[in-house]
């Protein structure tokens, strides 16, 4: 048997599954990204994360690209729906 170490978990290669990426846009709030993904800037630098993060949508976060909940302070309102 071959073994592969991935993200601090040991998996048998024949049974290795990859968690899909889900992007959820919350009403009046942030964008949540979960799953197997990379977050990189325009120069290709990668942010460390553990498979789940909240991204700023209001534009007022002091921790961009991450959400710091300032949307609540500024009464950010946006409801996005699939057409």
Protein backbone atom coordinates (compact mmCIF):
# COMPACT_ATOMS: atom_id res chain seq x y z
CA UNK A 1 0.00 0.00 0.00
CA UNK A 2 1.12 3.56 -0.72
CA UNK A 3 0.44 6.28 1.84
CA UNK A 4 0.35 10.01 1.32
CA UNK A 5 0.45 12.72 3.99
CA UNK A 6 -1.90 15.58 3.13
CA UNK A 7 -2.81 18.46 5.45
CA UNK A 8 -1.66 16.58 8.54
CA UNK A 9 -3.95 13.63 7.77
CA UNK A 10 -2.81 10.27 6.41
CA UNK A 11 -4.88 8.92 3.54
CA UNK A 12 -4.64 5.76 1.45
CA UNK A 13 -4.05 6.91 -2.14
CA UNK A 14 -6.80 4.70 -3.51
CA UNK A 15 -9.35 6.38 -1.26
CA UNK A 16 -8.14 9.98 -1.36
CA UNK A 17 -11.01 12.41 -1.82
CA UNK A 18 -10.82 16.15 -2.32
CA UNK A 19 -13.38 18.37 -0.63
CA UNK A 20 -15.05 20.67 -3.15
CA UNK A 21 -14.89 24.42 -2.76
CA UNK A 22 -18.07 26.25 -1.72
CA UNK A 23 -18.44 30.03 -1.89
CA UNK A 24 -21.40 31.41 0.09
CA UNK A 25 -22.48 35.05 -0.05
CA UNK A 26 -24.27 36.03 3.17
CA UNK A 27 -26.95 38.73 3.21
CA UNK A 28 -25.53 42.06 4.47
CA UNK A 29 -22.34 40.23 5.45
CA UNK A 30 -19.16 38.57 4.17
CA UNK A 31 -18.28 35.91 1.62
CA UNK A 32 -17.45 32.53 3.15
CA UNK A 33 -15.13 30.17 1.26
CA UNK A 34 -14.75 26.57 2.43
CA UNK A 35 -13.08 23.51 0.98
CA UNK A 36 -9.89 22.86 -0.92
CA UNK A 37 -8.64 26.12 -2.44
CA UNK A 38 -5.74 28.57 -2.59
CA UNK A 39 -6.06 32.29 -1.92
CA UNK A 40 -3.38 34.29 -3.74
CA UNK A 41 -2.73 37.98 -4.37
CA UNK A 42 -1.97 39.56 -7.76
CA UNK A 43 1.72 38.70 -7.38
CA UNK A 44 1.02 35.03 -6.64
CA UNK A 45 1.70 35.24 -2.89
CA UNK A 46 -0.43 32.74 -1.00
CA UNK A 47 -2.31 33.34 2.26
CA UNK A 48 -2.33 30.52 4.78
CA UNK A 49 -5.75 29.22 5.75
CA UNK A 50 -7.30 26.04 7.09
CA UNK A 51 -10.01 25.37 4.52
CA UNK A 52 -12.43 28.07 5.66
CA UNK A 53 -12.31 31.87 5.63
CA UNK A 54 -14.48 34.97 5.47
CA UNK A 55 -13.73 37.60 2.80
CA UNK A 56 -14.71 41.27 3.04
CA UNK A 57 -17.59 42.34 0.84
CA UNK A 58 -18.32 45.83 2.18
CA UNK A 59 -14.87 47.30 1.40
CA UNK A 60 -14.33 48.73 4.90
CA UNK A 61 -12.35 45.93 6.57
CA UNK A 62 -9.00 46.90 8.08
CA UNK A 63 -7.86 43.29 7.52
CA UNK A 64 -8.53 42.99 3.77
CA UNK A 65 -9.08 40.69 2.04
CA UNK A 66 -10.55 39.18 5.21
CA UNK A 67 -13.74 40.28 6.95
CA UNK A 68 -13.39 42.00 10.34
CA UNK A 69 -17.17 42.56 10.79
CA UNK A 70 -17.06 46.29 10.02
CA UNK A 71 -20.06 45.71 7.74
CA UNK A 72 -22.20 45.71 10.90
CA UNK A 73 -20.79 49.09 12.02
CA UNK A 74 -21.49 50.76 8.69
CA UNK A 75 -24.91 49.11 8.18
CA UNK A 76 -23.76 47.42 4.95
CA UNK A 77 -26.74 46.11 2.99
CA UNK A 78 -26.59 43.76 0.06
CA UNK A 79 -28.64 40.71 -0.78
CA UNK A 80 -27.36 38.70 -3.72
CA UNK A 81 -29.57 36.08 -5.38
CA UNK A 82 -29.10 33.75 -8.31
CA UNK A 83 -31.17 34.94 -11.28
